[in-house]
Amino acid sequence: MAEKWVDGTNVVITVCDMTGKIIYMNDQSARQFAKYGGLELIGRSLFDYHPEPACKKLRELLITPKRNIYTIIKNGKKKMIVQSPWYKEEIFGGLVELSFELPDDIPHFDRS
């Protein structure tokens, strides 16, 4: 599905179809979710691995495709999470989730 360059990034990339079934994980994603099965998660439902508040949000995003962007702190590290719809030939295909660490001293620029 994806080019091999995605495996060389520090970004966790996980893709699901419009039913929530995982259809792609890059190497970082497989490592991130190794305790749940890593690449063996491909073909399984995201709903089996998320608590109910997250499942509710996933259902909303799969019914009404839109971006969901937020930050979390996990194991003492701040992360940016971007969930965005993907399309093939203008037809909604599912969601792609990008997750990456944010440094504590991340600079901010206002480019008006």
PDB file of N, CA and C in Angstrom:
ATOM      1  N   MET A   1       0.819  -1.199   0.000  1.00  0.00           N
ATOM      2  CA  MET A   1       0.000   0.000   0.000  1.00  0.00           C
ATOM      3  C   MET A   1       0.862   1.262   0.000  1.00  0.00           C
ATOM      4  N   ALA A   2       1.845   1.329   0.886  1.00  0.00           N
ATOM      5  CA  ALA A   2       2.643   2.556   1.007  1.00  0.00           C
ATOM      6  C   ALA A   2       4.064   2.307   0.541  1.00  0.00           C
ATOM      7  N   GLU A   3       4.727   3.382   0.228  1.00  0.00           N
ATOM      8  CA  GLU A   3       6.131   3.320  -0.155  1.00  0.00           C
ATOM      9  C   GLU A   3       6.970   2.945   1.059  1.00  0.00           C
ATOM     10  N   LYS A   4       8.127   2.345   0.836  1.00  0.00           N
ATOM     11  CA  LYS A   4       8.979   1.913   1.933  1.00  0.00           C
ATOM     12  C   LYS A   4       9.598   3.063   2.711  1.00  0.00           C
ATOM     13  N   TRP A   5       9.607   4.292   2.176  1.00  0.00           N
ATOM     14  CA  TRP A   5      10.195   5.398   2.933  1.00  0.00           C
ATOM     15  C   TRP A   5       9.446   5.648   4.231  1.00  0.00           C
ATOM     16  N   VAL A   6       8.179   5.267   4.314  1.00  0.00           N
ATOM     17  CA  VAL A   6       7.420   5.489   5.546  1.00  0.00           C
ATOM     18  C   VAL A   6       7.960   4.666   6.707  1.00  0.00           C
ATOM     19  N   ASP A   7       8.694   3.589   6.392  1.00  0.00           N
ATOM     20  CA  ASP A   7       9.281   2.783   7.456  1.00  0.00           C
ATOM     21  C   ASP A   7      10.512   3.450   8.055  1.00  0.00           C
ATOM     22  N   GLY A   8      11.093   4.409   7.354  1.00  0.00           N
ATOM     23  CA  GLY A   8      12.289   5.084   7.844  1.00  0.00           C
ATOM     24  C   GLY A   8      12.004   6.372   8.589  1.00  0.00           C
ATOM     25  N   THR A   9      10.748   6.627   8.923  1.00  0.00           N
ATOM     26  CA  THR A   9      10.408   7.856   9.638  1.00  0.00           C
ATOM     27  C   THR A   9      10.262   7.569  11.130  1.00  0.00           C
ATOM     28  N   ASN A  10      10.206   8.632  11.914  1.00  0.00           N
ATOM     29  CA  ASN A  10       9.919   8.513  13.352  1.00  0.00           C
ATOM     30  C   ASN A  10       8.445   8.740  13.624  1.00  0.00           C
ATOM     31  N   VAL A  11       7.622   8.493  12.634  1.00  0.00           N
ATOM     32  CA  VAL A  11       6.183   8.698  12.739  1.00  0.00           C
ATOM     33  C   VAL A  11       5.491   7.333  12.728  1.00  0.00           C
ATOM     34  N   VAL A  12       4.629   7.122  13.706  1.00  0.00           N
ATOM     35  CA  VAL A  12       3.817   5.908  13.755  1.00  0.00           C
ATOM     36  C   VAL A  12       2.646   6.124  12.803  1.00  0.00           C
ATOM     37  N   ILE A  13       2.515   5.253  11.801  1.00  0.00           N
ATOM     38  CA  ILE A  13       1.450   5.393  10.801  1.00  0.00           C
ATOM     39  C   ILE A  13       0.605   4.121  10.814  1.00  0.00           C
ATOM     40  N   THR A  14      -0.678   4.304  11.117  1.00  0.00           N
ATOM     41  CA  THR A  14      -1.617   3.190  11.147  1.00  0.00           C
ATOM     42  C   THR A  14      -2.822   3.598  10.305  1.00  0.00           C
ATOM     43  N   VAL A  15      -3.280   2.702   9.449  1.00  0.00           N
ATOM     44  CA  VAL A  15      -4.390   3.008   8.538  1.00  0.00           C
ATOM     45  C   VAL A  15      -5.487   1.967   8.729  1.00  0.00           C
ATOM     46  N   CYS A  16      -6.730   2.468   8.766  1.00  0.00           N
ATOM     47  CA  CYS A  16      -7.869   1.551   8.823  1.00  0.00           C
ATOM     48  C   CYS A  16      -8.810   1.836   7.662  1.00  0.00           C
ATOM     49  N   ASP A  17      -9.651   0.846   7.367  1.00  0.00           N
ATOM     50  CA  ASP A  17     -10.675   1.049   6.335  1.00  0.00           C
ATOM     51  C   ASP A  17     -11.896   1.699   6.973  1.00  0.00           C
ATOM     52  N   MET A  18     -12.964   1.841   6.219  1.00  0.00           N
ATOM     53  CA  MET A  18     -14.138   2.563   6.714  1.00  0.00           C
ATOM     54  C   MET A  18     -14.923   1.793   7.767  1.00  0.00           C
ATOM     55  N   THR A  19     -14.549   0.543   8.041  1.00  0.00           N
ATOM     56  CA  THR A  19     -15.194  -0.220   9.118  1.00  0.00           C
ATOM     57  C   THR A  19     -14.353  -0.225  10.389  1.00  0.00           C
ATOM     58  N   GLY A  20     -13.144   0.346  10.319  1.00  0.00           N
ATOM     59  CA  GLY A  20     -12.243   0.353  11.472  1.00  0.00           C
ATOM     60  C   GLY A  20     -11.252  -0.793  11.455  1.00  0.00           C
ATOM     61  N   LYS A  21     -11.245  -1.582  10.371  1.00  0.00           N
ATOM     62  CA  LYS A  21     -10.294  -2.697  10.258  1.00  0.00           C
ATOM     63  C   LYS A  21      -8.926  -2.148   9.860  1.00  0.00           C
ATOM     64  N   ILE A  22      -7.888  -2.549  10.579  1.00  0.00           N
ATOM     65  CA  ILE A  22      -6.524  -2.100  10.285  1.00  0.00           C
ATOM     66  C   ILE A  22      -6.080  -2.723   8.966  1.00  0.00           C
ATOM     67  N   ILE A  23      -5.632  -1.866   8.042  1.00  0.00           N
ATOM     68  CA  ILE A  23      -5.199  -2.368   6.737  1.00  0.00           C
ATOM     69  C   ILE A  23      -3.727  -2.073   6.457  1.00  0.00           C
ATOM     70  N   TYR A  24      -3.099  -1.233   7.296  1.00  0.00           N
ATOM     71  CA  TYR A  24      -1.678  -0.937   7.084  1.00  0.00           C
ATOM     72  C   TYR A  24      -1.051  -0.433   8.376  1.00  0.00           C
ATOM     73  N   MET A  25       0.180  -0.867   8.608  1.00  0.00           N
ATOM     74  CA  MET A  25       1.001  -0.365   9.701  1.00  0.00           C
ATOM     75  C   MET A  25       2.426  -0.228   9.182  1.00  0.00           C
ATOM     76  N   ASN A  26       3.053   0.925   9.435  1.00  0.00           N
ATOM     77  CA  ASN A  26       4.463   1.015   9.078  1.00  0.00           C
ATOM     78  C   ASN A  26       5.290   0.360  10.185  1.00  0.00           C
ATOM     79  N   ASP A  27       6.605   0.282   9.993  1.00  0.00           N
ATOM     80  CA  ASP A  27       7.475  -0.389  10.967  1.00  0.00           C
ATOM     81  C   ASP A  27       7.352   0.224  12.360  1.00  0.00           C
ATOM     82  N   GLN A  28       7.272   1.553  12.420  1.00  0.00           N
ATOM     83  CA  GLN A  28       7.142   2.228  13.717  1.00  0.00           C
ATOM     84  C   GLN A  28       5.838   1.825  14.403  1.00  0.00           C
ATOM     85  N   SER A  29       4.762   1.724  13.642  1.00  0.00           N
ATOM     86  CA  SER A  29       3.474   1.321  14.192  1.00  0.00           C
ATOM     87  C   SER A  29       3.556  -0.110  14.735  1.00  0.00           C
ATOM     88  N   ALA A  30       4.176  -0.995  13.977  1.00  0.00           N
ATOM     89  CA  ALA A  30       4.322  -2.391  14.412  1.00  0.00           C
ATOM     90  C   ALA A  30       5.101  -2.461  15.723  1.00  0.00           C
ATOM     91  N   ARG A  31       6.162  -1.645  15.859  1.00  0.00           N
ATOM     92  CA  ARG A  31       6.936  -1.615  17.100  1.00  0.00           C
ATOM     93  C   ARG A  31       6.115  -1.011  18.247  1.00  0.00           C
ATOM     94  N   GLN A  32       5.418   0.079  17.952  1.00  0.00           N
ATOM     95  CA  GLN A  32       4.607   0.756  18.963  1.00  0.00           C
ATOM     96  C   GLN A  32       3.569  -0.193  19.568  1.00  0.00           C
ATOM     97  N   PHE A  33       2.974  -1.028  18.724  1.00  0.00           N
ATOM     98  CA  PHE A  33       1.892  -1.901  19.170  1.00  0.00           C
ATOM     99  C   PHE A  33       2.312  -3.375  19.240  1.00  0.00           C
ATOM    100  N   ALA A  34       3.609  -3.610  19.436  1.00  0.00           N
ATOM    101  CA  ALA A  34       4.144  -4.973  19.493  1.00  0.00           C
ATOM    102  C   ALA A  34       3.475  -5.808  20.591  1.00  0.00           C
ATOM    103  N   LYS A  35       3.193  -5.203  21.739  1.00  0.00           N
ATOM    104  CA  LYS A  35       2.589  -5.979  22.837  1.00  0.00           C
ATOM    105  C   LYS A  35       1.178  -6.448  22.511  1.00  0.00           C
ATOM    106  N   TYR A  36       0.560  -5.853  21.485  1.00  0.00           N
ATOM    107  CA  TYR A  36      -0.769  -6.277  21.050  1.00  0.00           C
ATOM    108  C   TYR A  36      -0.723  -7.209  19.834  1.00  0.00           C
ATOM    109  N   GLY A  37       0.485  -7.421  19.312  1.00  0.00           N
ATOM    110  CA  GLY A  37       0.624  -8.312  18.161  1.00  0.00           C
ATOM    111  C   GLY A  37       1.357  -7.715  16.983  1.00  0.00           C
ATOM    112  N   GLY A  38       1.682  -6.413  17.036  1.00  0.00           N
ATOM    113  CA  GLY A  38       2.432  -5.786  15.937  1.00  0.00           C
ATOM    114  C   GLY A  38       1.710  -5.944  14.616  1.00  0.00           C
ATOM    115  N   LEU A  39       2.429  -6.390  13.601  1.00  0.00           N
ATOM    116  CA  LEU A  39       1.840  -6.525  12.263  1.00  0.00           C
ATOM    117  C   LEU A  39       0.682  -7.518  12.205  1.00  0.00           C
ATOM    118  N   GLU A  40       0.575  -8.387  13.205  1.00  0.00           N
ATOM    119  CA  GLU A  40      -0.555  -9.325  13.234  1.00  0.00           C
ATOM    120  C   GLU A  40      -1.885  -8.616  13.491  1.00  0.00           C
ATOM    121  N   LEU A  41      -1.825  -7.320  13.846  1.00  0.00           N
ATOM    122  CA  LEU A  41      -3.048  -6.540  14.023  1.00  0.00           C
ATOM    123  C   LEU A  41      -3.717  -6.206  12.691  1.00  0.00           C
ATOM    124  N   ILE A  42      -2.949  -6.297  11.606  1.00  0.00           N
ATOM    125  CA  ILE A  42      -3.538  -6.025  10.289  1.00  0.00           C
ATOM    126  C   ILE A  42      -4.661  -7.033  10.040  1.00  0.00           C
ATOM    127  N   GLY A  43      -5.821  -6.499   9.687  1.00  0.00           N
ATOM    128  CA  GLY A  43      -7.007  -7.330   9.486  1.00  0.00           C
ATOM    129  C   GLY A  43      -7.929  -7.346  10.698  1.00  0.00           C
ATOM    130  N   ARG A  44      -7.457  -6.802  11.821  1.00  0.00           N
ATOM    131  CA  ARG A  44      -8.274  -6.756  13.034  1.00  0.00           C
ATOM    132  C   ARG A  44      -8.904  -5.378  13.198  1.00  0.00           C
ATOM    133  N   SER A  45      -9.901  -5.311  14.039  1.00  0.00           N
ATOM    134  CA  SER A  45     -10.647  -4.068  14.255  1.00  0.00           C
ATOM    135  C   SER A  45     -10.003  -3.194  15.326  1.00  0.00           C
ATOM    136  N   LEU A  46      -9.910  -1.902  15.034  1.00  0.00           N
ATOM    137  CA  LEU A  46      -9.429  -0.944  16.031  1.00  0.00           C
ATOM    138  C   LEU A  46     -10.316  -0.958  17.269  1.00  0.00           C
ATOM    139  N   PHE A  47     -11.579  -1.261  17.100  1.00  0.00           N
ATOM    140  CA  PHE A  47     -12.524  -1.238  18.211  1.00  0.00           C
ATOM    141  C   PHE A  47     -12.200  -2.283  19.281  1.00  0.00           C
ATOM    142  N   ASP A  48     -11.434  -3.309  18.909  1.00  0.00           N
ATOM    143  CA  ASP A  48     -11.049  -4.341  19.872  1.00  0.00           C
ATOM    144  C   ASP A  48      -9.913  -3.882  20.790  1.00  0.00           C
ATOM    145  N   TYR A  49      -9.291  -2.744  20.476  1.00  0.00           N
ATOM    146  CA  TYR A  49      -8.098  -2.317  21.210  1.00  0.00           C
ATOM    147  C   TYR A  49      -8.223  -0.921  21.811  1.00  0.00           C
ATOM    148  N   HIS A  50      -9.418  -0.377  21.842  1.00  0.00           N
ATOM    149  CA  HIS A  50      -9.635   0.962  22.390  1.00  0.00           C
ATOM    150  C   HIS A  50     -10.747   0.931  23.435  1.00  0.00           C
ATOM    151  N   PRO A  51     -10.630   1.769  24.468  1.00  0.00           N
ATOM    152  CA  PRO A  51     -11.716   1.874  25.446  1.00  0.00           C
ATOM    153  C   PRO A  51     -12.896   2.629  24.832  1.00  0.00           C
ATOM    154  N   GLU A  52     -14.028   2.556  25.499  1.00  0.00           N
ATOM    155  CA  GLU A  52     -15.248   3.126  24.926  1.00  0.00           C
ATOM    156  C   GLU A  52     -15.166   4.610  24.563  1.00  0.00           C
ATOM    157  N   PRO A  53     -14.600   5.492  25.342  1.00  0.00           N
ATOM    158  CA  PRO A  53     -14.595   6.883  24.855  1.00  0.00           C
ATOM    159  C   PRO A  53     -13.901   7.024  23.497  1.00  0.00           C
ATOM    160  N   ALA A  54     -12.824   6.278  23.304  1.00  0.00           N
ATOM    161  CA  ALA A  54     -12.103   6.333  22.030  1.00  0.00           C
ATOM    162  C   ALA A  54     -12.913   5.667  20.915  1.00  0.00           C
ATOM    163  N   CYS A  55     -13.603   4.573  21.232  1.00  0.00           N
ATOM    164  CA  CYS A  55     -14.435   3.894  20.228  1.00  0.00           C
ATOM    165  C   CYS A  55     -15.554   4.807  19.744  1.00  0.00           C
ATOM    166  N   LYS A  56     -16.146   5.553  20.661  1.00  0.00           N
ATOM    167  CA  LYS A  56     -17.202   6.488  20.274  1.00  0.00           C
ATOM    168  C   LYS A  56     -16.662   7.507  19.282  1.00  0.00           C
ATOM    169  N   LYS A  57     -15.469   8.060  19.560  1.00  0.00           N
ATOM    170  CA  LYS A  57     -14.870   9.047  18.662  1.00  0.00           C
ATOM    171  C   LYS A  57     -14.544   8.413  17.313  1.00  0.00           C
ATOM    172  N   LEU A  58     -14.001   7.199  17.310  1.00  0.00           N
ATOM    173  CA  LEU A  58     -13.704   6.501  16.051  1.00  0.00           C
ATOM    174  C   LEU A  58     -14.967   6.309  15.218  1.00  0.00           C
ATOM    175  N   ARG A  59     -16.046   5.887  15.873  1.00  0.00           N
ATOM    176  CA  ARG A  59     -17.311   5.705  15.142  1.00  0.00           C
ATOM    177  C   ARG A  59     -17.747   7.016  14.500  1.00  0.00           C
ATOM    178  N   GLU A  60     -17.644   8.113  15.253  1.00  0.00           N
ATOM    179  CA  GLU A  60     -18.015   9.423  14.713  1.00  0.00           C
ATOM    180  C   GLU A  60     -17.178   9.774  13.486  1.00  0.00           C
ATOM    181  N   LEU A  61     -15.855   9.527  13.571  1.00  0.00           N
ATOM    182  CA  LEU A  61     -14.968   9.866  12.460  1.00  0.00           C
ATOM    183  C   LEU A  61     -15.214   8.989  11.239  1.00  0.00           C
ATOM    184  N   LEU A  62     -15.649   7.754  11.464  1.00  0.00           N
ATOM    185  CA  LEU A  62     -15.931   6.854  10.345  1.00  0.00           C
ATOM    186  C   LEU A  62     -17.291   7.141   9.712  1.00  0.00           C
ATOM    187  N   ILE A  63     -18.208   7.706  10.488  1.00  0.00           N
ATOM    188  CA  ILE A  63     -19.527   8.063   9.957  1.00  0.00           C
ATOM    189  C   ILE A  63     -19.477   9.416   9.253  1.00  0.00           C
ATOM    190  N   THR A  64     -18.825  10.382   9.899  1.00  0.00           N
ATOM    191  CA  THR A  64     -18.691  11.730   9.346  1.00  0.00           C
ATOM    192  C   THR A  64     -17.203  12.035   9.237  1.00  0.00           C
ATOM    193  N   PRO A  65     -16.589  11.675   8.114  1.00  0.00           N
ATOM    194  CA  PRO A  65     -15.134  11.824   7.977  1.00  0.00           C
ATOM    195  C   PRO A  65     -14.666  13.264   8.201  1.00  0.00           C
ATOM    196  N   LYS A  66     -13.760  13.424   9.150  1.00  0.00           N
ATOM    197  CA  LYS A  66     -13.123  14.710   9.417  1.00  0.00           C
ATOM    198  C   LYS A  66     -11.854  14.443  10.210  1.00  0.00           C
ATOM    199  N   ARG A  67     -11.013  15.468  10.325  1.00  0.00           N
ATOM    200  CA  ARG A  67      -9.771  15.326  11.084  1.00  0.00           C
ATOM    201  C   ARG A  67     -10.033  15.431  12.581  1.00  0.00           C
ATOM    202  N   ASN A  68      -9.215  14.729  13.324  1.00  0.00           N
ATOM    203  CA  ASN A  68      -9.210  14.806  14.777  1.00  0.00           C
ATOM    204  C   ASN A  68      -7.747  14.929  15.187  1.00  0.00           C
ATOM    205  N   ILE A  69      -7.394  16.057  15.797  1.00  0.00           N
ATOM    206  CA  ILE A  69      -5.997  16.320  16.142  1.00  0.00           C
ATOM    207  C   ILE A  69      -5.928  16.679  17.617  1.00  0.00           C
ATOM    208  N   TYR A  70      -4.998  16.029  18.335  1.00  0.00           N
ATOM    209  CA  TYR A  70      -4.851  16.302  19.755  1.00  0.00           C
ATOM    210  C   TYR A  70      -3.455  15.889  20.221  1.00  0.00           C
ATOM    211  N   THR A  71      -3.120  16.268  21.446  1.00  0.00           N
ATOM    212  CA  THR A  71      -1.853  15.844  22.041  1.00  0.00           C
ATOM    213  C   THR A  71      -2.159  15.005  23.278  1.00  0.00           C
ATOM    214  N   ILE A  72      -1.205  14.134  23.597  1.00  0.00           N
ATOM    215  CA  ILE A  72      -1.298  13.312  24.804  1.00  0.00           C
ATOM    216  C   ILE A  72       0.072  13.296  25.475  1.00  0.00           C
ATOM    217  N   ILE A  73       0.097  12.889  26.715  1.00  0.00           N
ATOM    218  CA  ILE A  73       1.354  12.567  27.386  1.00  0.00           C
ATOM    219  C   ILE A  73       1.268  11.098  27.745  1.00  0.00           C
ATOM    220  N   LYS A  74       2.227  10.325  27.246  1.00  0.00           N
ATOM    221  CA  LYS A  74       2.261   8.887  27.493  1.00  0.00           C
ATOM    222  C   LYS A  74       3.682   8.504  27.871  1.00  0.00           C
ATOM    223  N   ASN A  75       3.820   7.840  28.984  1.00  0.00           N
ATOM    224  CA  ASN A  75       5.144   7.462  29.496  1.00  0.00           C
ATOM    225  C   ASN A  75       6.060   8.674  29.602  1.00  0.00           C
ATOM    226  N   GLY A  76       5.509   9.811  30.007  1.00  0.00           N
ATOM    227  CA  GLY A  76       6.293  11.025  30.206  1.00  0.00           C
ATOM    228  C   GLY A  76       6.670  11.767  28.940  1.00  0.00           C
ATOM    229  N   LYS A  77       6.182  11.314  27.796  1.00  0.00           N
ATOM    230  CA  LYS A  77       6.516  11.956  26.519  1.00  0.00           C
ATOM    231  C   LYS A  77       5.262  12.547  25.889  1.00  0.00           C
ATOM    232  N   LYS A  78       5.387  13.793  25.432  1.00  0.00           N
ATOM    233  CA  LYS A  78       4.262  14.452  24.775  1.00  0.00           C
ATOM    234  C   LYS A  78       4.214  14.005  23.321  1.00  0.00           C
ATOM    235  N   LYS A  79       3.012  13.655  22.864  1.00  0.00           N
ATOM    236  CA  LYS A  79       2.837  13.185  21.489  1.00  0.00           C
ATOM    237  C   LYS A  79       1.709  13.941  20.811  1.00  0.00           C
ATOM    238  N   MET A  80       1.871  14.129  19.518  1.00  0.00           N
ATOM    239  CA  MET A  80       0.827  14.685  18.661  1.00  0.00           C
ATOM    240  C   MET A  80       0.148  13.508  17.975  1.00  0.00           C
ATOM    241  N   ILE A  81      -1.169  13.505  17.978  1.00  0.00           N
ATOM    242  CA  ILE A  81      -1.951  12.479  17.298  1.00  0.00           C
ATOM    243  C   ILE A  81      -2.790  13.179  16.228  1.00  0.00           C
ATOM    244  N   VAL A  82      -2.683  12.706  15.000  1.00  0.00           N
ATOM    245  CA  VAL A  82      -3.465  13.244  13.889  1.00  0.00           C
ATOM    246  C   VAL A  82      -4.228  12.082  13.265  1.00  0.00           C
ATOM    247  N   GLN A  83      -5.541  12.157  13.309  1.00  0.00           N
ATOM    248  CA  GLN A  83      -6.397  11.176  12.652  1.00  0.00           C
ATOM    249  C   GLN A  83      -7.086  11.907  11.517  1.00  0.00           C
ATOM    250  N   SER A  84      -6.929  11.384  10.316  1.00  0.00           N
ATOM    251  CA  SER A  84      -7.443  12.088   9.143  1.00  0.00           C
ATOM    252  C   SER A  84      -8.047  11.092   8.163  1.00  0.00           C
ATOM    253  N   PRO A  85      -9.137  11.475   7.512  1.00  0.00           N
ATOM    254  CA  PRO A  85      -9.721  10.577   6.506  1.00  0.00           C
ATOM    255  C   PRO A  85      -8.800  10.442   5.294  1.00  0.00           C
ATOM    256  N   TRP A  86      -8.839   9.278   4.665  1.00  0.00           N
ATOM    257  CA  TRP A  86      -8.148   9.100   3.392  1.00  0.00           C
ATOM    258  C   TRP A  86      -9.196   8.691   2.356  1.00  0.00           C
ATOM    259  N   TYR A  87      -8.859   9.022   1.117  1.00  0.00           N
ATOM    260  CA  TYR A  87      -9.796   8.804   0.010  1.00  0.00           C
ATOM    261  C   TYR A  87      -9.094   8.119  -1.151  1.00  0.00           C
ATOM    262  N   LYS A  88      -9.831   7.304  -1.865  1.00  0.00           N
ATOM    263  CA  LYS A  88      -9.343   6.717  -3.116  1.00  0.00           C
ATOM    264  C   LYS A  88     -10.381   7.058  -4.172  1.00  0.00           C
ATOM    265  N   GLU A  89      -9.918   7.812  -5.184  1.00  0.00           N
ATOM    266  CA  GLU A  89     -10.809   8.262  -6.253  1.00  0.00           C
ATOM    267  C   GLU A  89     -12.036   8.977  -5.673  1.00  0.00           C
ATOM    268  N   GLU A  90     -11.784   9.827  -4.699  1.00  0.00           N
ATOM    269  CA  GLU A  90     -12.793  10.676  -4.059  1.00  0.00           C
ATOM    270  C   GLU A  90     -13.808   9.911  -3.218  1.00  0.00           C
ATOM    271  N   ILE A  91     -13.560   8.641  -2.955  1.00  0.00           N
ATOM    272  CA  ILE A  91     -14.446   7.829  -2.120  1.00  0.00           C
ATOM    273  C   ILE A  91     -13.743   7.602  -0.783  1.00  0.00           C
ATOM    274  N   PHE A  92     -14.440   7.905   0.304  1.00  0.00           N
ATOM    275  CA  PHE A  92     -13.890   7.733   1.643  1.00  0.00           C
ATOM    276  C   PHE A  92     -13.457   6.296   1.854  1.00  0.00           C
ATOM    277  N   GLY A  93     -12.198   6.126   2.279  1.00  0.00           N
ATOM    278  CA  GLY A  93     -11.663   4.784   2.472  1.00  0.00           C
ATOM    279  C   GLY A  93     -11.473   4.392   3.917  1.00  0.00           C
ATOM    280  N   GLY A  94     -11.345   5.385   4.809  1.00  0.00           N
ATOM    281  CA  GLY A  94     -11.091   5.098   6.216  1.00  0.00           C
ATOM    282  C   GLY A  94     -10.270   6.210   6.834  1.00  0.00           C
ATOM    283  N   LEU A  95      -9.492   5.848   7.847  1.00  0.00           N
ATOM    284  CA  LEU A  95      -8.693   6.832   8.569  1.00  0.00           C
ATOM    285  C   LEU A  95      -7.223   6.460   8.559  1.00  0.00           C
ATOM    286  N   VAL A  96      -6.398   7.474   8.534  1.00  0.00           N
ATOM    287  CA  VAL A  96      -4.971   7.292   8.755  1.00  0.00           C
ATOM    288  C   VAL A  96      -4.638   8.021  10.042  1.00  0.00           C
ATOM    289  N   GLU A  97      -3.903   7.347  10.914  1.00  0.00           N
ATOM    290  CA  GLU A  97      -3.471   7.974  12.167  1.00  0.00           C
ATOM    291  C   GLU A  97      -1.965   8.116  12.154  1.00  0.00           C
ATOM    292  N   LEU A  98      -1.517   9.336  12.423  1.00  0.00           N
ATOM    293  CA  LEU A  98      -0.103   9.642  12.567  1.00  0.00           C
ATOM    294  C   LEU A  98       0.139   9.986  14.028  1.00  0.00           C
ATOM    295  N   SER A  99       1.180   9.449  14.600  1.00  0.00           N
ATOM    296  CA  SER A  99       1.534   9.731  15.985  1.00  0.00           C
ATOM    297  C   SER A  99       3.033   9.969  16.044  1.00  0.00           C
ATOM    298  N   PHE A 100       3.430  11.061  16.691  1.00  0.00           N
ATOM    299  CA  PHE A 100       4.853  11.344  16.823  1.00  0.00           C
ATOM    300  C   PHE A 100       5.126  12.152  18.080  1.00  0.00           C
ATOM    301  N   GLU A 101       6.335  11.986  18.615  1.00  0.00           N
ATOM    302  CA  GLU A 101       6.730  12.695  19.821  1.00  0.00           C
ATOM    303  C   GLU A 101       6.996  14.161  19.527  1.00  0.00           C
ATOM    304  N   LEU A 102       6.643  14.995  20.498  1.00  0.00           N
ATOM    305  CA  LEU A 102       6.929  16.425  20.436  1.00  0.00           C
ATOM    306  C   LEU A 102       8.002  16.741  21.468  1.00  0.00           C
ATOM    307  N   PRO A 103       9.064  17.428  21.066  1.00  0.00           N
ATOM    308  CA  PRO A 103      10.085  17.789  22.052  1.00  0.00           C
ATOM    309  C   PRO A 103       9.517  18.795  23.060  1.00  0.00           C
ATOM    310  N   ASP A 104      10.076  18.775  24.275  1.00  0.00           N
ATOM    311  CA  ASP A 104       9.609  19.704  25.312  1.00  0.00           C
ATOM    312  C   ASP A 104       9.791  21.153  24.892  1.00  0.00           C
ATOM    313  N   ASP A 105      10.848  21.411  24.142  1.00  0.00           N
ATOM    314  CA  ASP A 105      11.181  22.802  23.755  1.00  0.00           C
ATOM    315  C   ASP A 105      10.834  23.088  22.300  1.00  0.00           C
ATOM    316  N   ILE A 106       9.697  22.561  21.849  1.00  0.00           N
ATOM    317  CA  ILE A 106       9.313  22.752  20.454  1.00  0.00           C
ATOM    318  C   ILE A 106       9.124  24.239  20.144  1.00  0.00           C
ATOM    319  N   PRO A 107       9.789  24.735  19.126  1.00  0.00           N
ATOM    320  CA  PRO A 107       9.618  26.155  18.786  1.00  0.00           C
ATOM    321  C   PRO A 107       8.259  26.382  18.102  1.00  0.00           C
ATOM    322  N   HIS A 108       7.791  27.588  18.206  1.00  0.00           N
ATOM    323  CA  HIS A 108       6.550  27.985  17.542  1.00  0.00           C
ATOM    324  C   HIS A 108       6.825  29.252  16.733  1.00  0.00           C
ATOM    325  N   PHE A 109       6.384  29.280  15.504  1.00  0.00           N
ATOM    326  CA  PHE A 109       6.580  30.434  14.619  1.00  0.00           C
ATOM    327  C   PHE A 109       5.224  30.917  14.138  1.00  0.00           C
ATOM    328  N   ASP A 110       5.032  32.215  14.126  1.00  0.00           N
ATOM    329  CA  ASP A 110       3.816  32.805  13.593  1.00  0.00           C
ATOM    330  C   ASP A 110       4.165  33.351  12.207  1.00  0.00           C
ATOM    331  N   ARG A 111       3.716  32.675  11.187  1.00  0.00           N
ATOM    332  CA  ARG A 111       4.023  33.069   9.806  1.00  0.00           C
ATOM    333  C   ARG A 111       2.767  33.601   9.153  1.00  0.00           C
ATOM    334  N   SER A 112       2.550  34.884   9.323  1.00  0.00           N
ATOM    335  CA  SER A 112       1.360  35.525   8.778  1.00  0.00           C
ATOM    336  C   SER A 112       1.571  35.916   7.333  1.00  0.00           C
TER     337      SER A 112
END
